[in-house]
Amino acid sequence: MVQDTKDGAILTVHIQPKASTTECVGIHGNAIKIRVAAPPVDGAANEELIRFLARTLSLPLAAVHIESGTSGRHKRVRLSGVTGSYVTACLLQKDP
């Protein structure tokens, strides 16, 4: 799901476009599942995923980059300046 690298982390995500809200919903196989409130047209879902990850992880947009899977549901996202444990804690935190 999340791998540490020398300059940040690589996150494996499974996205579900055209959801009612953008949110992380848990684990899907070996990826973190994120519902995206944007259609998979003209990169809109990818842009929404990047905005969601940047906002949730308190990162600048430039620190979030989709490395592979731009046209599919399964993606690898490079997150600069964070650790894998921080990413996991932020995305999978449960509300009390």
PDB file of N, CA and C in Angstrom:
ATOM      1  N   MET A   1       0.816  -1.195   0.000  1.00  0.00           N
ATOM      2  CA  MET A   1       0.000   0.000   0.000  1.00  0.00           C
ATOM      3  C   MET A   1       0.861   1.261   0.000  1.00  0.00           C
ATOM      4  N   VAL A   2       1.736   1.391   0.984  1.00  0.00           N
ATOM      5  CA  VAL A   2       2.598   2.572   1.067  1.00  0.00           C
ATOM      6  C   VAL A   2       4.039   2.108   1.239  1.00  0.00           C
ATOM      7  N   GLN A   3       4.916   2.630   0.402  1.00  0.00           N
ATOM      8  CA  GLN A   3       6.338   2.296   0.439  1.00  0.00           C
ATOM      9  C   GLN A   3       7.125   3.560   0.729  1.00  0.00           C
ATOM     10  N   ASP A   4       8.077   3.472   1.654  1.00  0.00           N
ATOM     11  CA  ASP A   4       8.958   4.616   1.888  1.00  0.00           C
ATOM     12  C   ASP A   4      10.027   4.674   0.801  1.00  0.00           C
ATOM     13  N   THR A   5      10.389   5.889   0.387  1.00  0.00           N
ATOM     14  CA  THR A   5      11.483   6.103  -0.555  1.00  0.00           C
ATOM     15  C   THR A   5      12.421   7.132   0.068  1.00  0.00           C
ATOM     16  N   LYS A   6      13.528   7.413  -0.599  1.00  0.00           N
ATOM     17  CA  LYS A   6      14.489   8.357  -0.009  1.00  0.00           C
ATOM     18  C   LYS A   6      13.951   9.782   0.092  1.00  0.00           C
ATOM     19  N   ASP A   7      12.982  10.136  -0.751  1.00  0.00           N
ATOM     20  CA  ASP A   7      12.466  11.505  -0.697  1.00  0.00           C
ATOM     21  C   ASP A   7      10.979  11.592  -0.356  1.00  0.00           C
ATOM     22  N   GLY A   8      10.391  10.494   0.108  1.00  0.00           N
ATOM     23  CA  GLY A   8       8.968  10.523   0.448  1.00  0.00           C
ATOM     24  C   GLY A   8       8.384   9.139   0.503  1.00  0.00           C
ATOM     25  N   ALA A   9       7.226   8.975  -0.124  1.00  0.00           N
ATOM     26  CA  ALA A   9       6.533   7.689  -0.105  1.00  0.00           C
ATOM     27  C   ALA A   9       5.829   7.457  -1.436  1.00  0.00           C
ATOM     28  N   ILE A  10       5.621   6.176  -1.747  1.00  0.00           N
ATOM     29  CA  ILE A  10       4.820   5.785  -2.913  1.00  0.00           C
ATOM     30  C   ILE A  10       3.547   5.136  -2.379  1.00  0.00           C
ATOM     31  N   LEU A  11       2.412   5.652  -2.791  1.00  0.00           N
ATOM     32  CA  LEU A  11       1.114   5.167  -2.343  1.00  0.00           C
ATOM     33  C   LEU A  11       0.431   4.437  -3.492  1.00  0.00           C
ATOM     34  N   THR A  12      -0.055   3.236  -3.223  1.00  0.00           N
ATOM     35  CA  THR A  12      -0.844   2.506  -4.209  1.00  0.00           C
ATOM     36  C   THR A  12      -2.313   2.738  -3.880  1.00  0.00           C
ATOM     37  N   VAL A  13      -3.061   3.269  -4.857  1.00  0.00           N
ATOM     38  CA  VAL A  13      -4.472   3.568  -4.619  1.00  0.00           C
ATOM     39  C   VAL A  13      -5.344   2.900  -5.671  1.00  0.00           C
ATOM     40  N   HIS A  14      -6.570   2.614  -5.270  1.00  0.00           N
ATOM     41  CA  HIS A  14      -7.618   2.145  -6.180  1.00  0.00           C
ATOM     42  C   HIS A  14      -8.698   3.209  -6.095  1.00  0.00           C
ATOM     43  N   ILE A  15      -8.990   3.864  -7.221  1.00  0.00           N
ATOM     44  CA  ILE A  15      -9.978   4.933  -7.146  1.00  0.00           C
ATOM     45  C   ILE A  15     -11.310   4.506  -7.753  1.00  0.00           C
ATOM     46  N   GLN A  16     -12.358   5.100  -7.214  1.00  0.00           N
ATOM     47  CA  GLN A  16     -13.715   4.893  -7.708  1.00  0.00           C
ATOM     48  C   GLN A  16     -14.246   6.267  -8.105  1.00  0.00           C
ATOM     49  N   PRO A  17     -14.240   6.552  -9.410  1.00  0.00           N
ATOM     50  CA  PRO A  17     -14.708   7.875  -9.858  1.00  0.00           C
ATOM     51  C   PRO A  17     -16.223   8.012  -9.768  1.00  0.00           C
ATOM     52  N   LYS A  18     -16.688   9.246  -9.918  1.00  0.00           N
ATOM     53  CA  LYS A  18     -18.107   9.606  -9.924  1.00  0.00           C
ATOM     54  C   LYS A  18     -18.814   9.270  -8.622  1.00  0.00           C
ATOM     55  N   ALA A  19     -18.112   9.379  -7.493  1.00  0.00           N
ATOM     56  CA  ALA A  19     -18.725   9.170  -6.182  1.00  0.00           C
ATOM     57  C   ALA A  19     -19.414  10.458  -5.745  1.00  0.00           C
ATOM     58  N   SER A  20     -20.243  10.379  -4.708  1.00  0.00           N
ATOM     59  CA  SER A  20     -20.931  11.585  -4.252  1.00  0.00           C
ATOM     60  C   SER A  20     -19.980  12.532  -3.512  1.00  0.00           C
ATOM     61  N   THR A  21     -18.991  11.976  -2.806  1.00  0.00           N
ATOM     62  CA  THR A  21     -17.984  12.795  -2.127  1.00  0.00           C
ATOM     63  C   THR A  21     -16.617  12.155  -2.325  1.00  0.00           C
ATOM     64  N   THR A  22     -15.573  12.965  -2.198  1.00  0.00           N
ATOM     65  CA  THR A  22     -14.208  12.441  -2.274  1.00  0.00           C
ATOM     66  C   THR A  22     -13.794  12.053  -0.868  1.00  0.00           C
ATOM     67  N   GLU A  23     -13.443  10.769  -0.697  1.00  0.00           N
ATOM     68  CA  GLU A  23     -13.072  10.278   0.627  1.00  0.00           C
ATOM     69  C   GLU A  23     -12.289   8.987   0.517  1.00  0.00           C
ATOM     70  N   CYS A  24     -11.504   8.704   1.551  1.00  0.00           N
ATOM     71  CA  CYS A  24     -10.795   7.436   1.656  1.00  0.00           C
ATOM     72  C   CYS A  24     -11.735   6.472   2.360  1.00  0.00           C
ATOM     73  N   VAL A  25     -11.927   5.283   1.784  1.00  0.00           N
ATOM     74  CA  VAL A  25     -12.900   4.349   2.359  1.00  0.00           C
ATOM     75  C   VAL A  25     -12.272   3.069   2.896  1.00  0.00           C
ATOM     76  N   GLY A  26     -10.939   2.949   2.876  1.00  0.00           N
ATOM     77  CA  GLY A  26     -10.315   1.779   3.472  1.00  0.00           C
ATOM     78  C   GLY A  26      -9.366   1.072   2.526  1.00  0.00           C
ATOM     79  N   ILE A  27      -9.273  -0.242   2.714  1.00  0.00           N
ATOM     80  CA  ILE A  27      -8.337  -1.066   1.954  1.00  0.00           C
ATOM     81  C   ILE A  27      -9.084  -1.814   0.854  1.00  0.00           C
ATOM     82  N   HIS A  28      -8.472  -1.903  -0.318  1.00  0.00           N
ATOM     83  CA  HIS A  28      -9.018  -2.678  -1.432  1.00  0.00           C
ATOM     84  C   HIS A  28      -7.867  -3.511  -1.991  1.00  0.00           C
ATOM     85  N   GLY A  29      -7.808  -4.796  -1.607  1.00  0.00           N
ATOM     86  CA  GLY A  29      -6.687  -5.635  -2.023  1.00  0.00           C
ATOM     87  C   GLY A  29      -5.405  -5.115  -1.408  1.00  0.00           C
ATOM     88  N   ASN A  30      -4.421  -4.781  -2.261  1.00  0.00           N
ATOM     89  CA  ASN A  30      -3.152  -4.247  -1.750  1.00  0.00           C
ATOM     90  C   ASN A  30      -3.050  -2.738  -1.973  1.00  0.00           C
ATOM     91  N   ALA A  31      -4.194  -2.070  -2.012  1.00  0.00           N
ATOM     92  CA  ALA A  31      -4.226  -0.626  -2.249  1.00  0.00           C
ATOM     93  C   ALA A  31      -5.183   0.041  -1.269  1.00  0.00           C
ATOM     94  N   ILE A  32      -5.036   1.352  -1.143  1.00  0.00           N
ATOM     95  CA  ILE A  32      -5.987   2.141  -0.366  1.00  0.00           C
ATOM     96  C   ILE A  32      -7.056   2.630  -1.334  1.00  0.00           C
ATOM     97  N   LYS A  33      -8.311   2.404  -0.984  1.00  0.00           N
ATOM     98  CA  LYS A  33      -9.417   2.786  -1.869  1.00  0.00           C
ATOM     99  C   LYS A  33      -9.878   4.202  -1.551  1.00  0.00           C
ATOM    100  N   ILE A  34      -9.956   5.004  -2.617  1.00  0.00           N
ATOM    101  CA  ILE A  34     -10.408   6.387  -2.482  1.00  0.00           C
ATOM    102  C   ILE A  34     -11.533   6.621  -3.482  1.00  0.00           C
ATOM    103  N   ARG A  35     -12.660   7.097  -2.972  1.00  0.00           N
ATOM    104  CA  ARG A  35     -13.763   7.499  -3.849  1.00  0.00           C
ATOM    105  C   ARG A  35     -13.523   8.940  -4.261  1.00  0.00           C
ATOM    106  N   VAL A  36     -13.721   9.214  -5.546  1.00  0.00           N
ATOM    107  CA  VAL A  36     -13.440  10.549  -6.087  1.00  0.00           C
ATOM    108  C   VAL A  36     -14.714  11.130  -6.683  1.00  0.00           C
ATOM    109  N   ALA A  37     -15.050  12.345  -6.278  1.00  0.00           N
ATOM    110  CA  ALA A  37     -16.268  13.009  -6.753  1.00  0.00           C
ATOM    111  C   ALA A  37     -16.005  13.747  -8.058  1.00  0.00           C
ATOM    112  N   ALA A  38     -15.477  13.028  -9.038  1.00  0.00           N
ATOM    113  CA  ALA A  38     -15.217  13.603 -10.362  1.00  0.00           C
ATOM    114  C   ALA A  38     -15.298  12.467 -11.374  1.00  0.00           C
ATOM    115  N   PRO A  39     -15.720  12.766 -12.588  1.00  0.00           N
ATOM    116  CA  PRO A  39     -15.787  11.718 -13.609  1.00  0.00           C
ATOM    117  C   PRO A  39     -14.397  11.413 -14.174  1.00  0.00           C
ATOM    118  N   PRO A  40     -14.216  10.203 -14.705  1.00  0.00           N
ATOM    119  CA  PRO A  40     -12.913   9.856 -15.290  1.00  0.00           C
ATOM    120  C   PRO A  40     -12.767  10.401 -16.709  1.00  0.00           C
ATOM    121  N   VAL A  41     -12.997  11.709 -16.871  1.00  0.00           N
ATOM    122  CA  VAL A  41     -12.966  12.348 -18.182  1.00  0.00           C
ATOM    123  C   VAL A  41     -11.951  13.486 -18.168  1.00  0.00           C
ATOM    124  N   ASP A  42     -11.096  13.531 -19.169  1.00  0.00           N
ATOM    125  CA  ASP A  42     -10.109  14.612 -19.318  1.00  0.00           C
ATOM    126  C   ASP A  42      -9.246  14.823 -18.071  1.00  0.00           C
ATOM    127  N   GLY A  43      -8.956  13.757 -17.340  1.00  0.00           N
ATOM    128  CA  GLY A  43      -8.086  13.854 -16.176  1.00  0.00           C
ATOM    129  C   GLY A  43      -8.738  14.448 -14.942  1.00  0.00           C
ATOM    130  N   ALA A  44     -10.049  14.645 -14.961  1.00  0.00           N
ATOM    131  CA  ALA A  44     -10.725  15.282 -13.821  1.00  0.00           C
ATOM    132  C   ALA A  44     -10.601  14.445 -12.553  1.00  0.00           C
ATOM    133  N   ALA A  45     -10.735  13.137 -12.662  1.00  0.00           N
ATOM    134  CA  ALA A  45     -10.625  12.264 -11.484  1.00  0.00           C
ATOM    135  C   ALA A  45      -9.197  12.295 -10.933  1.00  0.00           C
ATOM    136  N   ASN A  46      -8.196  12.310 -11.810  1.00  0.00           N
ATOM    137  CA  ASN A  46      -6.805  12.388 -11.358  1.00  0.00           C
ATOM    138  C   ASN A  46      -6.537  13.705 -10.623  1.00  0.00           C
ATOM    139  N   GLU A  47      -7.054  14.806 -11.172  1.00  0.00           N
ATOM    140  CA  GLU A  47      -6.866  16.113 -10.532  1.00  0.00           C
ATOM    141  C   GLU A  47      -7.525  16.146  -9.160  1.00  0.00           C
ATOM    142  N   GLU A  48      -8.709  15.573  -9.053  1.00  0.00           N
ATOM    143  CA  GLU A  48      -9.413  15.533  -7.772  1.00  0.00           C
ATOM    144  C   GLU A  48      -8.653  14.660  -6.774  1.00  0.00           C
ATOM    145  N   LEU A  49      -8.093  13.543  -7.237  1.00  0.00           N
ATOM    146  CA  LEU A  49      -7.287  12.682  -6.367  1.00  0.00           C
ATOM    147  C   LEU A  49      -6.074  13.439  -5.833  1.00  0.00           C
ATOM    148  N   ILE A  50      -5.388  14.158  -6.692  1.00  0.00           N
ATOM    149  CA  ILE A  50      -4.209  14.930  -6.276  1.00  0.00           C
ATOM    150  C   ILE A  50      -4.610  16.000  -5.257  1.00  0.00           C
ATOM    151  N   ARG A  51      -5.702  16.716  -5.519  1.00  0.00           N
ATOM    152  CA  ARG A  51      -6.166  17.748  -4.573  1.00  0.00           C
ATOM    153  C   ARG A  51      -6.521  17.124  -3.223  1.00  0.00           C
ATOM    154  N   PHE A  52      -7.222  15.985  -3.256  1.00  0.00           N
ATOM    155  CA  PHE A  52      -7.626  15.316  -2.015  1.00  0.00           C
ATOM    156  C   PHE A  52      -6.405  14.877  -1.204  1.00  0.00           C
ATOM    157  N   LEU A  53      -5.442  14.236  -1.863  1.00  0.00           N
ATOM    158  CA  LEU A  53      -4.249  13.770  -1.153  1.00  0.00           C
ATOM    159  C   LEU A  53      -3.445  14.942  -0.596  1.00  0.00           C
ATOM    160  N   ALA A  54      -3.286  16.005  -1.377  1.00  0.00           N
ATOM    161  CA  ALA A  54      -2.542  17.178  -0.914  1.00  0.00           C
ATOM    162  C   ALA A  54      -3.223  17.799   0.309  1.00  0.00           C
ATOM    163  N   ARG A  55      -4.535  17.928   0.254  1.00  0.00           N
ATOM    164  CA  ARG A  55      -5.291  18.520   1.363  1.00  0.00           C
ATOM    165  C   ARG A  55      -5.230  17.623   2.611  1.00  0.00           C
ATOM    166  N   THR A  56      -5.462  16.335   2.434  1.00  0.00           N
ATOM    167  CA  THR A  56      -5.496  15.403   3.557  1.00  0.00           C
ATOM    168  C   THR A  56      -4.136  15.245   4.223  1.00  0.00           C
ATOM    169  N   LEU A  57      -3.069  15.285   3.425  1.00  0.00           N
ATOM    170  CA  LEU A  57      -1.722  15.075   3.952  1.00  0.00           C
ATOM    171  C   LEU A  57      -0.982  16.386   4.231  1.00  0.00           C
ATOM    172  N   SER A  58      -1.663  17.519   4.068  1.00  0.00           N
ATOM    173  CA  SER A  58      -1.067  18.852   4.279  1.00  0.00           C
ATOM    174  C   SER A  58       0.190  19.040   3.436  1.00  0.00           C
ATOM    175  N   LEU A  59       0.078  18.711   2.149  1.00  0.00           N
ATOM    176  CA  LEU A  59       1.192  18.839   1.215  1.00  0.00           C
ATOM    177  C   LEU A  59       0.847  19.856   0.134  1.00  0.00           C
ATOM    178  N   PRO A  60       1.860  20.501  -0.455  1.00  0.00           N
ATOM    179  CA  PRO A  60       1.582  21.331  -1.633  1.00  0.00           C
ATOM    180  C   PRO A  60       1.220  20.433  -2.812  1.00  0.00           C
ATOM    181  N   LEU A  61       0.448  20.949  -3.758  1.00  0.00           N
ATOM    182  CA  LEU A  61       0.052  20.160  -4.925  1.00  0.00           C
ATOM    183  C   LEU A  61       1.263  19.598  -5.660  1.00  0.00           C
ATOM    184  N   ALA A  62       2.353  20.349  -5.701  1.00  0.00           N
ATOM    185  CA  ALA A  62       3.552  19.918  -6.421  1.00  0.00           C
ATOM    186  C   ALA A  62       4.204  18.689  -5.791  1.00  0.00           C
ATOM    187  N   ALA A  63       3.870  18.383  -4.536  1.00  0.00           N
ATOM    188  CA  ALA A  63       4.466  17.234  -3.850  1.00  0.00           C
ATOM    189  C   ALA A  63       3.716  15.933  -4.134  1.00  0.00           C
ATOM    190  N   VAL A  64       2.603  16.017  -4.888  1.00  0.00           N
ATOM    191  CA  VAL A  64       1.787  14.845  -5.198  1.00  0.00           C
ATOM    192  C   VAL A  64       1.839  14.614  -6.697  1.00  0.00           C
ATOM    193  N   HIS A  65       2.327  13.439  -7.108  1.00  0.00           N
ATOM    194  CA  HIS A  65       2.494  13.152  -8.536  1.00  0.00           C
ATOM    195  C   HIS A  65       2.074  11.715  -8.837  1.00  0.00           C
ATOM    196  N   ILE A  66       1.186  11.531  -9.811  1.00  0.00           N
ATOM    197  CA  ILE A  66       0.782  10.181 -10.217  1.00  0.00           C
ATOM    198  C   ILE A  66       1.878   9.613 -11.102  1.00  0.00           C
ATOM    199  N   GLU A  67       2.540   8.566 -10.614  1.00  0.00           N
ATOM    200  CA  GLU A  67       3.646   7.954 -11.352  1.00  0.00           C
ATOM    201  C   GLU A  67       3.165   6.995 -12.423  1.00  0.00           C
ATOM    202  N   SER A  68       2.147   6.197 -12.104  1.00  0.00           N
ATOM    203  CA  SER A  68       1.634   5.240 -13.089  1.00  0.00           C
ATOM    204  C   SER A  68       0.151   5.018 -12.864  1.00  0.00           C
ATOM    205  N   GLY A  69      -0.528   4.594 -13.929  1.00  0.00           N
ATOM    206  CA  GLY A  69      -1.952   4.303 -13.840  1.00  0.00           C
ATOM    207  C   GLY A  69      -2.854   5.479 -14.093  1.00  0.00           C
ATOM    208  N   THR A  70      -2.379   6.493 -14.820  1.00  0.00           N
ATOM    209  CA  THR A  70      -3.193   7.693 -15.017  1.00  0.00           C
ATOM    210  C   THR A  70      -4.516   7.402 -15.731  1.00  0.00           C
ATOM    211  N   SER A  71      -4.562   6.350 -16.536  1.00  0.00           N
ATOM    212  CA  SER A  71      -5.808   6.077 -17.261  1.00  0.00           C
ATOM    213  C   SER A  71      -6.600   4.926 -16.657  1.00  0.00           C
ATOM    214  N   GLY A  72      -6.149   4.368 -15.544  1.00  0.00           N
ATOM    215  CA  GLY A  72      -6.862   3.252 -14.921  1.00  0.00           C
ATOM    216  C   GLY A  72      -7.282   3.585 -13.501  1.00  0.00           C
ATOM    217  N   ARG A  73      -7.917   2.624 -12.844  1.00  0.00           N
ATOM    218  CA  ARG A  73      -8.354   2.820 -11.465  1.00  0.00           C
ATOM    219  C   ARG A  73      -7.228   2.557 -10.472  1.00  0.00           C
ATOM    220  N   HIS A  74      -6.263   1.744 -10.863  1.00  0.00           N
ATOM    221  CA  HIS A  74      -5.143   1.385  -9.984  1.00  0.00           C
ATOM    222  C   HIS A  74      -3.980   2.325 -10.285  1.00  0.00           C
ATOM    223  N   LYS A  75      -3.531   3.074  -9.279  1.00  0.00           N
ATOM    224  CA  LYS A  75      -2.510   4.089  -9.503  1.00  0.00           C
ATOM    225  C   LYS A  75      -1.404   3.992  -8.458  1.00  0.00           C
ATOM    226  N   ARG A  76      -0.215   4.450  -8.854  1.00  0.00           N
ATOM    227  CA  ARG A  76       0.900   4.625  -7.917  1.00  0.00           C
ATOM    228  C   ARG A  76       1.176   6.120  -7.858  1.00  0.00           C
ATOM    229  N   VAL A  77       1.123   6.662  -6.634  1.00  0.00           N
ATOM    230  CA  VAL A  77       1.256   8.103  -6.443  1.00  0.00           C
ATOM    231  C   VAL A  77       2.496   8.383  -5.589  1.00  0.00           C
ATOM    232  N   ARG A  78       3.379   9.248  -6.107  1.00  0.00           N
ATOM    233  CA  ARG A  78       4.570   9.661  -5.340  1.00  0.00           C
ATOM    234  C   ARG A  78       4.196  10.855  -4.478  1.00  0.00           C
ATOM    235  N   LEU A  79       4.526  10.759  -3.177  1.00  0.00           N
ATOM    236  CA  LEU A  79       4.246  11.817  -2.215  1.00  0.00           C
ATOM    237  C   LEU A  79       5.579  12.277  -1.639  1.00  0.00           C
ATOM    238  N   SER A  80       6.012  13.464  -1.995  1.00  0.00           N
ATOM    239  CA  SER A  80       7.315  13.965  -1.564  1.00  0.00           C
ATOM    240  C   SER A  80       7.246  14.563  -0.167  1.00  0.00           C
ATOM    241  N   GLY A  81       8.262  14.251   0.649  1.00  0.00           N
ATOM    242  CA  GLY A  81       8.398  14.882   1.947  1.00  0.00           C
ATOM    243  C   GLY A  81       7.601  14.279   3.077  1.00  0.00           C
ATOM    244  N   VAL A  82       7.043  13.076   2.896  1.00  0.00           N
ATOM    245  CA  VAL A  82       6.295  12.417   3.972  1.00  0.00           C
ATOM    246  C   VAL A  82       6.754  10.970   4.103  1.00  0.00           C
ATOM    247  N   THR A  83       6.426  10.359   5.241  1.00  0.00           N
ATOM    248  CA  THR A  83       6.754   8.954   5.452  1.00  0.00           C
ATOM    249  C   THR A  83       5.523   8.087   5.202  1.00  0.00           C
ATOM    250  N   GLY A  84       5.762   6.830   4.948  1.00  0.00           N
ATOM    251  CA  GLY A  84       4.671   5.892   4.726  1.00  0.00           C
ATOM    252  C   GLY A  84       3.747   5.782   5.927  1.00  0.00           C
ATOM    253  N   SER A  85       4.316   5.800   7.129  1.00  0.00           N
ATOM    254  CA  SER A  85       3.479   5.684   8.331  1.00  0.00           C
ATOM    255  C   SER A  85       2.587   6.918   8.506  1.00  0.00           C
ATOM    256  N   TYR A  86       3.097   8.094   8.149  1.00  0.00           N
ATOM    257  CA  TYR A  86       2.292   9.318   8.221  1.00  0.00           C
ATOM    258  C   TYR A  86       1.127   9.248   7.229  1.00  0.00           C
ATOM    259  N   VAL A  87       1.418   8.791   6.005  1.00  0.00           N
ATOM    260  CA  VAL A  87       0.381   8.674   4.977  1.00  0.00           C
ATOM    261  C   VAL A  87      -0.712   7.711   5.433  1.00  0.00           C
ATOM    262  N   THR A  88      -0.307   6.554   5.933  1.00  0.00           N
ATOM    263  CA  THR A  88      -1.269   5.553   6.396  1.00  0.00           C
ATOM    264  C   THR A  88      -2.107   6.098   7.534  1.00  0.00           C
ATOM    265  N   ALA A  89      -1.468   6.753   8.495  1.00  0.00           N
ATOM    266  CA  ALA A  89      -2.197   7.312   9.646  1.00  0.00           C
ATOM    267  C   ALA A  89      -3.217   8.357   9.204  1.00  0.00           C
ATOM    268  N   CYS A  90      -2.844   9.240   8.289  1.00  0.00           N
ATOM    269  CA  CYS A  90      -3.746  10.297   7.828  1.00  0.00           C
ATOM    270  C   CYS A  90      -4.923   9.738   7.027  1.00  0.00           C
ATOM    271  N   LEU A  91      -4.649   8.798   6.138  1.00  0.00           N
ATOM    272  CA  LEU A  91      -5.706   8.298   5.253  1.00  0.00           C
ATOM    273  C   LEU A  91      -6.641   7.303   5.924  1.00  0.00           C
ATOM    274  N   LEU A  92      -6.109   6.524   6.840  1.00  0.00           N
ATOM    275  CA  LEU A  92      -6.939   5.460   7.442  1.00  0.00           C
ATOM    276  C   LEU A  92      -7.409   5.779   8.842  1.00  0.00           C
ATOM    277  N   GLN A  93      -7.275   7.043   9.264  1.00  0.00           N
ATOM    278  CA  GLN A  93      -7.753   7.405  10.607  1.00  0.00           C
ATOM    279  C   GLN A  93      -9.262   7.264  10.662  1.00  0.00           C
ATOM    280  N   LYS A  94      -9.724   6.778  11.775  1.00  0.00           N
ATOM    281  CA  LYS A  94     -11.165   6.609  11.975  1.00  0.00           C
ATOM    282  C   LYS A  94     -11.683   7.747  12.845  1.00  0.00           C
ATOM    283  N   ASP A  95     -12.845   8.260  12.499  1.00  0.00           N
ATOM    284  CA  ASP A  95     -13.452   9.293  13.329  1.00  0.00           C
ATOM    285  C   ASP A  95     -13.938   8.667  14.641  1.00  0.00           C
ATOM    286  N   PRO A  96     -13.767   9.357  15.766  1.00  0.00           N
ATOM    287  CA  PRO A  96     -14.171   8.789  17.057  1.00  0.00           C
ATOM    288  C   PRO A  96     -15.675   8.717  17.195  1.00  0.00           C
TER     289      PRO A  96
END
